[in-house]
Full PDB file with SEQRES, HELIX, SHEET, SSBOND, CRYST1, ORIGX, SCALE, CONECT and MASTER records, all heavy atoms in Angstrom:
SEQRES   1 A   31  ASP VAL ALA LEU ARG ARG VAL ARG GLU PRO GLU GLU GLY          
SEQRES   2 A   31  LEU TYR LEU ALA GLU SER PRO LYS VAL ILE GLU ARG ALA          
SEQRES   3 A   31  LEU ARG ALA GLY HIS                                          
HELIX    1 AA1 VAL A    2  GLU A   12  1                                  11    
HELIX    2 AA2 PRO A   20  ARG A   28  1                                   9    
CRYST1    1.000    1.000    1.000  90.00  90.00  90.00 P 1           1          
ORIGX1      1.000000  0.000000  0.000000        0.00000                         
ORIGX2      0.000000  1.000000  0.000000        0.00000                         
ORIGX3      0.000000  0.000000  1.000000        0.00000                         
SCALE1      1.000000  0.000000  0.000000        0.00000                         
SCALE2      0.000000  1.000000  0.000000        0.00000                         
SCALE3      0.000000  0.000000  1.000000        0.00000                         
ATOM      1  N   ASP A   1      -7.272   0.022 -12.475  1.00  0.00           N  
ATOM      2  CA  ASP A   1      -8.065  -1.150 -12.598  1.00  0.00           C  
ATOM      3  C   ASP A   1      -8.403  -1.596 -11.117  1.00  0.00           C  
ATOM      4  O   ASP A   1      -7.703  -2.391 -10.533  1.00  0.00           O  
ATOM      5  CB  ASP A   1      -7.362  -2.284 -13.354  1.00  0.00           C  
ATOM      6  CG  ASP A   1      -8.250  -3.508 -13.609  1.00  0.00           C  
ATOM      7  OD1 ASP A   1      -9.283  -3.633 -12.948  1.00  0.00           O  
ATOM      8  OD2 ASP A   1      -7.886  -4.340 -14.470  1.00  0.00           O  
ATOM      9  N   VAL A   2      -9.533  -1.118 -10.638  1.00  0.00           N  
ATOM     10  CA  VAL A   2      -9.882  -1.313  -9.180  1.00  0.00           C  
ATOM     11  C   VAL A   2     -10.029  -2.770  -8.910  1.00  0.00           C  
ATOM     12  O   VAL A   2      -9.566  -3.265  -7.886  1.00  0.00           O  
ATOM     13  CB  VAL A   2     -11.155  -0.500  -8.830  1.00  0.00           C  
ATOM     14  CG1 VAL A   2     -11.584  -0.891  -7.396  1.00  0.00           C  
ATOM     15  CG2 VAL A   2     -10.925   0.961  -8.960  1.00  0.00           C  
ATOM     16  N   ALA A   3     -10.678  -3.558  -9.731  1.00  0.00           N  
ATOM     17  CA  ALA A   3     -10.942  -4.969  -9.522  1.00  0.00           C  
ATOM     18  C   ALA A   3      -9.631  -5.677  -9.370  1.00  0.00           C  
ATOM     19  O   ALA A   3      -9.464  -6.527  -8.505  1.00  0.00           O  
ATOM     20  CB  ALA A   3     -11.817  -5.577 -10.653  1.00  0.00           C  
ATOM     21  N   LEU A   4      -8.627  -5.353 -10.232  1.00  0.00           N  
ATOM     22  CA  LEU A   4      -7.317  -6.074 -10.149  1.00  0.00           C  
ATOM     23  C   LEU A   4      -6.649  -5.706  -8.936  1.00  0.00           C  
ATOM     24  O   LEU A   4      -6.084  -6.608  -8.265  1.00  0.00           O  
ATOM     25  CB  LEU A   4      -6.510  -5.606 -11.431  1.00  0.00           C  
ATOM     26  CG  LEU A   4      -5.096  -6.090 -11.426  1.00  0.00           C  
ATOM     27  CD1 LEU A   4      -5.083  -7.622 -11.547  1.00  0.00           C  
ATOM     28  CD2 LEU A   4      -4.273  -5.502 -12.626  1.00  0.00           C  
ATOM     29  N   ARG A   5      -6.656  -4.450  -8.507  1.00  0.00           N  
ATOM     30  CA  ARG A   5      -5.942  -4.120  -7.266  1.00  0.00           C  
ATOM     31  C   ARG A   5      -6.543  -4.756  -6.023  1.00  0.00           C  
ATOM     32  O   ARG A   5      -5.898  -5.103  -5.146  1.00  0.00           O  
ATOM     33  CB  ARG A   5      -5.930  -2.554  -7.108  1.00  0.00           C  
ATOM     34  CG  ARG A   5      -5.330  -1.739  -8.230  1.00  0.00           C  
ATOM     35  CD  ARG A   5      -3.974  -2.244  -8.604  1.00  0.00           C  
ATOM     36  NE  ARG A   5      -3.021  -2.281  -7.471  1.00  0.00           N  
ATOM     37  CZ  ARG A   5      -1.818  -2.832  -7.573  1.00  0.00           C  
ATOM     38  NH1 ARG A   5      -1.360  -3.280  -8.744  1.00  0.00           N  
ATOM     39  NH2 ARG A   5      -1.004  -2.840  -6.545  1.00  0.00           N  
ATOM     40  N   ARG A   6      -7.950  -4.817  -6.074  1.00  0.00           N  
ATOM     41  CA  ARG A   6      -8.612  -5.491  -4.864  1.00  0.00           C  
ATOM     42  C   ARG A   6      -8.110  -6.895  -4.721  1.00  0.00           C  
ATOM     43  O   ARG A   6      -8.015  -7.423  -3.600  1.00  0.00           O  
ATOM     44  CB  ARG A   6     -10.113  -5.435  -5.106  1.00  0.00           C  
ATOM     45  CG  ARG A   6     -10.745  -4.093  -4.694  1.00  0.00           C  
ATOM     46  CD  ARG A   6     -12.157  -4.087  -5.007  1.00  0.00           C  
ATOM     47  NE  ARG A   6     -12.781  -2.831  -4.676  1.00  0.00           N  
ATOM     48  CZ  ARG A   6     -14.056  -2.513  -5.091  1.00  0.00           C  
ATOM     49  NH1 ARG A   6     -14.789  -3.316  -5.761  1.00  0.00           N  
ATOM     50  NH2 ARG A   6     -14.558  -1.296  -4.767  1.00  0.00           N  
ATOM     51  N   VAL A   7      -7.904  -7.593  -5.834  1.00  0.00           N  
ATOM     52  CA  VAL A   7      -7.488  -8.993  -5.743  1.00  0.00           C  
ATOM     53  C   VAL A   7      -5.962  -9.066  -5.484  1.00  0.00           C  
ATOM     54  O   VAL A   7      -5.592  -9.796  -4.636  1.00  0.00           O  
ATOM     55  CB  VAL A   7      -7.795  -9.720  -7.077  1.00  0.00           C  
ATOM     56  CG1 VAL A   7      -7.183 -11.113  -7.071  1.00  0.00           C  
ATOM     57  CG2 VAL A   7      -9.314  -9.809  -7.231  1.00  0.00           C  
ATOM     58  N   ARG A   8      -5.206  -8.316  -6.257  1.00  0.00           N  
ATOM     59  CA  ARG A   8      -3.732  -8.492  -6.228  1.00  0.00           C  
ATOM     60  C   ARG A   8      -3.166  -8.053  -4.802  1.00  0.00           C  
ATOM     61  O   ARG A   8      -2.329  -8.709  -4.233  1.00  0.00           O  
ATOM     62  CB  ARG A   8      -3.066  -7.627  -7.239  1.00  0.00           C  
ATOM     63  CG  ARG A   8      -3.132  -8.274  -8.642  1.00  0.00           C  
ATOM     64  CD  ARG A   8      -2.205  -7.470  -9.594  1.00  0.00           C  
ATOM     65  NE  ARG A   8      -0.908  -7.344  -9.073  1.00  0.00           N  
ATOM     66  CZ  ARG A   8      -0.015  -6.401  -9.470  1.00  0.00           C  
ATOM     67  NH1 ARG A   8      -0.409  -5.492 -10.392  1.00  0.00           N  
ATOM     68  NH2 ARG A   8       1.219  -6.376  -9.045  1.00  0.00           N  
ATOM     69  N   GLU A   9      -3.570  -6.949  -4.322  1.00  0.00           N  
ATOM     70  CA  GLU A   9      -2.918  -6.395  -3.121  1.00  0.00           C  
ATOM     71  C   GLU A   9      -3.035  -7.279  -1.850  1.00  0.00           C  
ATOM     72  O   GLU A   9      -2.056  -7.644  -1.268  1.00  0.00           O  
ATOM     73  CB  GLU A   9      -3.441  -4.982  -2.829  1.00  0.00           C  
ATOM     74  CG  GLU A   9      -2.993  -3.925  -3.862  1.00  0.00           C  
ATOM     75  CD  GLU A   9      -3.452  -2.592  -3.588  1.00  0.00           C  
ATOM     76  OE1 GLU A   9      -4.005  -2.251  -2.501  1.00  0.00           O  
ATOM     77  OE2 GLU A   9      -3.249  -1.719  -4.410  1.00  0.00           O  
ATOM     78  N   PRO A  10      -4.231  -7.760  -1.546  1.00  0.00           N  
ATOM     79  CA  PRO A  10      -4.285  -8.670  -0.416  1.00  0.00           C  
ATOM     80  C   PRO A  10      -3.543 -10.025  -0.639  1.00  0.00           C  
ATOM     81  O   PRO A  10      -2.903 -10.484   0.236  1.00  0.00           O  
ATOM     82  CB  PRO A  10      -5.794  -8.868  -0.158  1.00  0.00           C  
ATOM     83  CG  PRO A  10      -6.468  -7.677  -0.799  1.00  0.00           C  
ATOM     84  CD  PRO A  10      -5.585  -7.376  -1.995  1.00  0.00           C  
ATOM     85  N   GLU A  11      -3.732 -10.517  -1.879  1.00  0.00           N  
ATOM     86  CA  GLU A  11      -3.133 -11.851  -2.104  1.00  0.00           C  
ATOM     87  C   GLU A  11      -1.591 -11.727  -2.113  1.00  0.00           C  
ATOM     88  O   GLU A  11      -0.948 -12.639  -1.675  1.00  0.00           O  
ATOM     89  CB  GLU A  11      -3.612 -12.283  -3.537  1.00  0.00           C  
ATOM     90  CG  GLU A  11      -4.983 -12.896  -3.534  1.00  0.00           C  
ATOM     91  CD  GLU A  11      -5.330 -13.635  -4.776  1.00  0.00           C  
ATOM     92  OE1 GLU A  11      -4.499 -13.613  -5.733  1.00  0.00           O  
ATOM     93  OE2 GLU A  11      -6.385 -14.252  -4.827  1.00  0.00           O  
ATOM     94  N   GLU A  12      -0.998 -10.668  -2.623  1.00  0.00           N  
ATOM     95  CA  GLU A  12       0.387 -10.568  -2.690  1.00  0.00           C  
ATOM     96  C   GLU A  12       1.046  -9.977  -1.537  1.00  0.00           C  
ATOM     97  O   GLU A  12       2.168  -9.854  -1.364  1.00  0.00           O  
ATOM     98  CB  GLU A  12       0.787  -9.827  -4.038  1.00  0.00           C  
ATOM     99  CG  GLU A  12       0.420 -10.537  -5.287  1.00  0.00           C  
ATOM    100  CD  GLU A  12       0.860  -9.718  -6.492  1.00  0.00           C  
ATOM    101  OE1 GLU A  12       1.614  -8.755  -6.368  1.00  0.00           O  
ATOM    102  OE2 GLU A  12       0.440 -10.172  -7.589  1.00  0.00           O  
ATOM    103  N   GLY A  13       0.141  -9.541  -0.507  1.00  0.00           N  
ATOM    104  CA  GLY A  13       0.667  -8.975   0.693  1.00  0.00           C  
ATOM    105  C   GLY A  13       1.322  -7.685   0.510  1.00  0.00           C  
ATOM    106  O   GLY A  13       2.262  -7.284   1.131  1.00  0.00           O  
ATOM    107  N   LEU A  14       0.737  -6.804  -0.407  1.00  0.00           N  
ATOM    108  CA  LEU A  14       1.266  -5.438  -0.526  1.00  0.00           C  
ATOM    109  C   LEU A  14       0.127  -4.397  -0.544  1.00  0.00           C  
ATOM    110  O   LEU A  14      -0.970  -4.736  -0.740  1.00  0.00           O  
ATOM    111  CB  LEU A  14       2.076  -5.473  -1.862  1.00  0.00           C  
ATOM    112  CG  LEU A  14       1.355  -5.577  -3.171  1.00  0.00           C  
ATOM    113  CD1 LEU A  14       1.012  -4.095  -3.775  1.00  0.00           C  
ATOM    114  CD2 LEU A  14       2.205  -6.228  -4.260  1.00  0.00           C  
ATOM    115  N   TYR A  15       0.598  -3.173  -0.354  1.00  0.00           N  
ATOM    116  CA  TYR A  15      -0.315  -2.031  -0.598  1.00  0.00           C  
ATOM    117  C   TYR A  15       0.584  -0.898  -1.088  1.00  0.00           C  
ATOM    118  O   TYR A  15       1.821  -0.988  -1.002  1.00  0.00           O  
ATOM    119  CB  TYR A  15      -1.030  -1.700   0.707  1.00  0.00           C  
ATOM    120  CG  TYR A  15      -0.202  -1.050   1.733  1.00  0.00           C  
ATOM    121  CD1 TYR A  15      -0.139   0.395   1.824  1.00  0.00           C  
ATOM    122  CD2 TYR A  15       0.407  -1.657   2.794  1.00  0.00           C  
ATOM    123  CE1 TYR A  15       0.605   1.019   2.804  1.00  0.00           C  
ATOM    124  CE2 TYR A  15       1.188  -1.058   3.753  1.00  0.00           C  
ATOM    125  CZ  TYR A  15       1.229   0.259   3.700  1.00  0.00           C  
ATOM    126  OH  TYR A  15       1.987   0.927   4.722  1.00  0.00           O  
ATOM    127  N   LEU A  16      -0.031   0.158  -1.544  1.00  0.00           N  
ATOM    128  CA  LEU A  16       0.632   1.231  -2.175  1.00  0.00           C  
ATOM    129  C   LEU A  16       0.455   2.527  -1.340  1.00  0.00           C  
ATOM    130  O   LEU A  16      -0.683   2.941  -1.024  1.00  0.00           O  
ATOM    131  CB  LEU A  16       0.173   1.441  -3.572  1.00  0.00           C  
ATOM    132  CG  LEU A  16       0.556   0.302  -4.461  1.00  0.00           C  
ATOM    133  CD1 LEU A  16      -0.223   0.200  -5.678  1.00  0.00           C  
ATOM    134  CD2 LEU A  16       2.066   0.303  -4.844  1.00  0.00           C  
ATOM    135  N   ALA A  17       1.567   3.200  -0.992  1.00  0.00           N  
ATOM    136  CA  ALA A  17       1.539   4.388  -0.310  1.00  0.00           C  
ATOM    137  C   ALA A  17       1.907   5.512  -1.262  1.00  0.00           C  
ATOM    138  O   ALA A  17       3.001   5.512  -1.789  1.00  0.00           O  
ATOM    139  CB  ALA A  17       2.508   4.329   0.887  1.00  0.00           C  
ATOM    140  N   GLU A  18       1.049   6.524  -1.371  1.00  0.00           N  
ATOM    141  CA  GLU A  18       1.278   7.630  -2.389  1.00  0.00           C  
ATOM    142  C   GLU A  18       1.494   8.923  -1.680  1.00  0.00           C  
ATOM    143  O   GLU A  18       0.826   9.353  -0.786  1.00  0.00           O  
ATOM    144  CB  GLU A  18       0.004   7.771  -3.256  1.00  0.00           C  
ATOM    145  CG  GLU A  18       0.118   8.699  -4.367  1.00  0.00           C  
ATOM    146  CD  GLU A  18      -1.214   8.904  -5.105  1.00  0.00           C  
ATOM    147  OE1 GLU A  18      -2.182   8.118  -4.917  1.00  0.00           O  
ATOM    148  OE2 GLU A  18      -1.212   9.731  -5.992  1.00  0.00           O  
ATOM    149  N   SER A  19       2.688   9.494  -2.065  1.00  0.00           N  
ATOM    150  CA  SER A  19       3.216  10.812  -1.553  1.00  0.00           C  
ATOM    151  C   SER A  19       4.198  10.638  -0.460  1.00  0.00           C  
ATOM    152  O   SER A  19       4.122   9.628   0.342  1.00  0.00           O  
ATOM    153  CB  SER A  19       2.117  11.683  -1.032  1.00  0.00           C  
ATOM    154  OG  SER A  19       1.780  11.431   0.311  1.00  0.00           O  
ATOM    155  N   PRO A  20       5.193  11.457  -0.422  1.00  0.00           N  
ATOM    156  CA  PRO A  20       6.283  11.380   0.642  1.00  0.00           C  
ATOM    157  C   PRO A  20       5.675  11.387   2.084  1.00  0.00           C  
ATOM    158  O   PRO A  20       6.152  10.609   2.891  1.00  0.00           O  
ATOM    159  CB  PRO A  20       7.120  12.585   0.434  1.00  0.00           C  
ATOM    160  CG  PRO A  20       7.051  12.781  -1.024  1.00  0.00           C  
ATOM    161  CD  PRO A  20       5.612  12.459  -1.390  1.00  0.00           C  
ATOM    162  N   LYS A  21       4.601  12.136   2.327  1.00  0.00           N  
ATOM    163  CA  LYS A  21       4.020  12.191   3.613  1.00  0.00           C  
ATOM    164  C   LYS A  21       3.413  10.904   4.043  1.00  0.00           C  
ATOM    165  O   LYS A  21       3.624  10.416   5.193  1.00  0.00           O  
ATOM    166  CB  LYS A  21       2.952  13.279   3.669  1.00  0.00           C  
ATOM    167  CG  LYS A  21       2.247  13.377   5.048  1.00  0.00           C  
ATOM    168  CD  LYS A  21       1.140  14.439   5.063  1.00  0.00           C  
ATOM    169  CE  LYS A  21       1.797  15.860   5.021  1.00  0.00           C  
ATOM    170  NZ  LYS A  21       0.760  16.915   5.226  1.00  0.00           N  
ATOM    171  N   VAL A  22       2.724  10.275   3.167  1.00  0.00           N  
ATOM    172  CA  VAL A  22       2.073   8.910   3.441  1.00  0.00           C  
ATOM    173  C   VAL A  22       3.173   7.872   3.614  1.00  0.00           C  
ATOM    174  O   VAL A  22       3.114   6.985   4.438  1.00  0.00           O  
ATOM    175  CB  VAL A  22       1.022   8.537   2.418  1.00  0.00           C  
ATOM    176  CG1 VAL A  22       0.559   7.165   2.604  1.00  0.00           C  
ATOM    177  CG2 VAL A  22      -0.140   9.500   2.391  1.00  0.00           C  
ATOM    178  N   ILE A  23       4.170   7.946   2.746  1.00  0.00           N  
ATOM    179  CA  ILE A  23       5.350   6.955   2.896  1.00  0.00           C  
ATOM    180  C   ILE A  23       5.957   7.034   4.227  1.00  0.00           C  
ATOM    181  O   ILE A  23       6.276   6.145   4.898  1.00  0.00           O  
ATOM    182  CB  ILE A  23       6.348   7.196   1.737  1.00  0.00           C  
ATOM    183  CG1 ILE A  23       5.682   6.854   0.305  1.00  0.00           C  
ATOM    184  CG2 ILE A  23       7.573   6.337   1.908  1.00  0.00           C  
ATOM    185  CD1 ILE A  23       6.522   7.233  -0.878  1.00  0.00           C  
ATOM    186  N   GLU A  24       6.214   8.313   4.677  1.00  0.00           N  
ATOM    187  CA  GLU A  24       6.813   8.595   5.955  1.00  0.00           C  
ATOM    188  C   GLU A  24       5.948   7.965   7.069  1.00  0.00           C  
ATOM    189  O   GLU A  24       6.469   7.356   8.038  1.00  0.00           O  
ATOM    190  CB  GLU A  24       6.981  10.046   6.172  1.00  0.00           C  
ATOM    191  CG  GLU A  24       7.623  10.368   7.514  1.00  0.00           C  
ATOM    192  CD  GLU A  24       7.757  11.897   7.734  1.00  0.00           C  
ATOM    193  OE1 GLU A  24       7.253  12.708   6.939  1.00  0.00           O  
ATOM    194  OE2 GLU A  24       8.498  12.307   8.655  1.00  0.00           O  
ATOM    195  N   ARG A  25       4.600   8.141   6.981  1.00  0.00           N  
ATOM    196  CA  ARG A  25       3.744   7.609   8.011  1.00  0.00           C  
ATOM    197  C   ARG A  25       3.771   6.080   8.012  1.00  0.00           C  
ATOM    198  O   ARG A  25       3.701   5.515   9.085  1.00  0.00           O  
ATOM    199  CB  ARG A  25       2.346   8.057   7.874  1.00  0.00           C  
ATOM    200  CG  ARG A  25       2.181   9.586   8.204  1.00  0.00           C  
ATOM    201  CD  ARG A  25       0.796  10.096   8.142  1.00  0.00           C  
ATOM    202  NE  ARG A  25       0.661  11.509   8.631  1.00  0.00           N  
ATOM    203  CZ  ARG A  25      -0.377  12.256   8.635  1.00  0.00           C  
ATOM    204  NH1 ARG A  25      -1.540  11.723   8.238  1.00  0.00           N  
ATOM    205  NH2 ARG A  25      -0.380  13.442   9.128  1.00  0.00           N  
ATOM    206  N   ALA A  26       3.826   5.527   6.825  1.00  0.00           N  
ATOM    207  CA  ALA A  26       3.931   4.031   6.749  1.00  0.00           C  
ATOM    208  C   ALA A  26       5.170   3.567   7.448  1.00  0.00           C  
ATOM    209  O   ALA A  26       5.154   2.535   8.176  1.00  0.00           O  
ATOM    210  CB  ALA A  26       3.920   3.693   5.325  1.00  0.00           C  
ATOM    211  N   LEU A  27       6.338   4.193   7.148  1.00  0.00           N  
ATOM    212  CA  LEU A  27       7.602   3.760   7.771  1.00  0.00           C  
ATOM    213  C   LEU A  27       7.550   4.039   9.277  1.00  0.00           C  
ATOM    214  O   LEU A  27       8.090   3.169  10.038  1.00  0.00           O  
ATOM    215  CB  LEU A  27       8.708   4.538   7.109  1.00  0.00           C  
ATOM    216  CG  LEU A  27       8.977   4.267   5.597  1.00  0.00           C  
ATOM    217  CD1 LEU A  27       9.978   5.253   5.079  1.00  0.00           C  
ATOM    218  CD2 LEU A  27       9.387   2.851   5.376  1.00  0.00           C  
ATOM    219  N   ARG A  28       6.991   5.082   9.717  1.00  0.00           N  
ATOM    220  CA  ARG A  28       6.943   5.340  11.136  1.00  0.00           C  
ATOM    221  C   ARG A  28       6.041   4.214  11.850  1.00  0.00           C  
ATOM    222  O   ARG A  28       6.227   3.942  13.073  1.00  0.00           O  
ATOM    223  CB  ARG A  28       6.318   6.680  11.416  1.00  0.00           C  
ATOM    224  CG  ARG A  28       7.267   7.875  11.235  1.00  0.00           C  
ATOM    225  CD  ARG A  28       6.589   9.169  11.629  1.00  0.00           C  
ATOM    226  NE  ARG A  28       7.525  10.256  11.456  1.00  0.00           N  
ATOM    227  CZ  ARG A  28       7.209  11.528  11.665  1.00  0.00           C  
ATOM    228  NH1 ARG A  28       5.890  11.851  12.011  1.00  0.00           N  
ATOM    229  NH2 ARG A  28       8.030  12.489  11.471  1.00  0.00           N  
ATOM    230  N   ALA A  29       5.061   3.740  11.132  1.00  0.00           N  
ATOM    231  CA  ALA A  29       4.206   2.707  11.675  1.00  0.00           C  
ATOM    232  C   ALA A  29       4.890   1.330  11.701  1.00  0.00           C  
ATOM    233  O   ALA A  29       4.371   0.330  12.144  1.00  0.00           O  
ATOM    234  CB  ALA A  29       2.851   2.603  10.921  1.00  0.00           C  
ATOM    235  N   GLY A  30       6.154   1.260  11.164  1.00  0.00           N  
ATOM    236  CA  GLY A  30       6.898   0.043  11.176  1.00  0.00           C  
ATOM    237  C   GLY A  30       6.663  -0.826   9.986  1.00  0.00           C  
ATOM    238  O   GLY A  30       7.121  -2.040   9.923  1.00  0.00           O  
ATOM    239  N   HIS A  31       6.044  -0.374   8.945  1.00  0.00           N  
ATOM    240  CA  HIS A  31       5.783  -1.054   7.675  1.00  0.00           C  
ATOM    241  C   HIS A  31       7.016  -1.117   6.860  1.00  0.00           C  
ATOM    242  O   HIS A  31       7.781  -0.141   6.768  1.00  0.00           O  
ATOM    243  CB  HIS A  31       4.620  -0.533   6.930  1.00  0.00           C  
ATOM    244  CG  HIS A  31       3.308  -0.522   7.680  1.00  0.00           C  
ATOM    245  ND1 HIS A  31       2.131  -0.216   7.097  1.00  0.00           N  
ATOM    246  CD2 HIS A  31       3.073  -0.844   9.018  1.00  0.00           C  
ATOM    247  CE1 HIS A  31       1.177  -0.289   8.037  1.00  0.00           C  
ATOM    248  NE2 HIS A  31       1.695  -0.679   9.097  1.00  0.00           N  
TER     249      HIS A  31                                                      
MASTER        0    0    0    2    0    0    0    6  248    1    0    3          
END                                                                             
């Protein structure tokens, strides 16, 4: 549900990282 995610993610201060590689990059960036 793209419309829901566009509203929820910025408002709740979260985003979603998909796959171990992307999760690793997010953690390396200090997130």
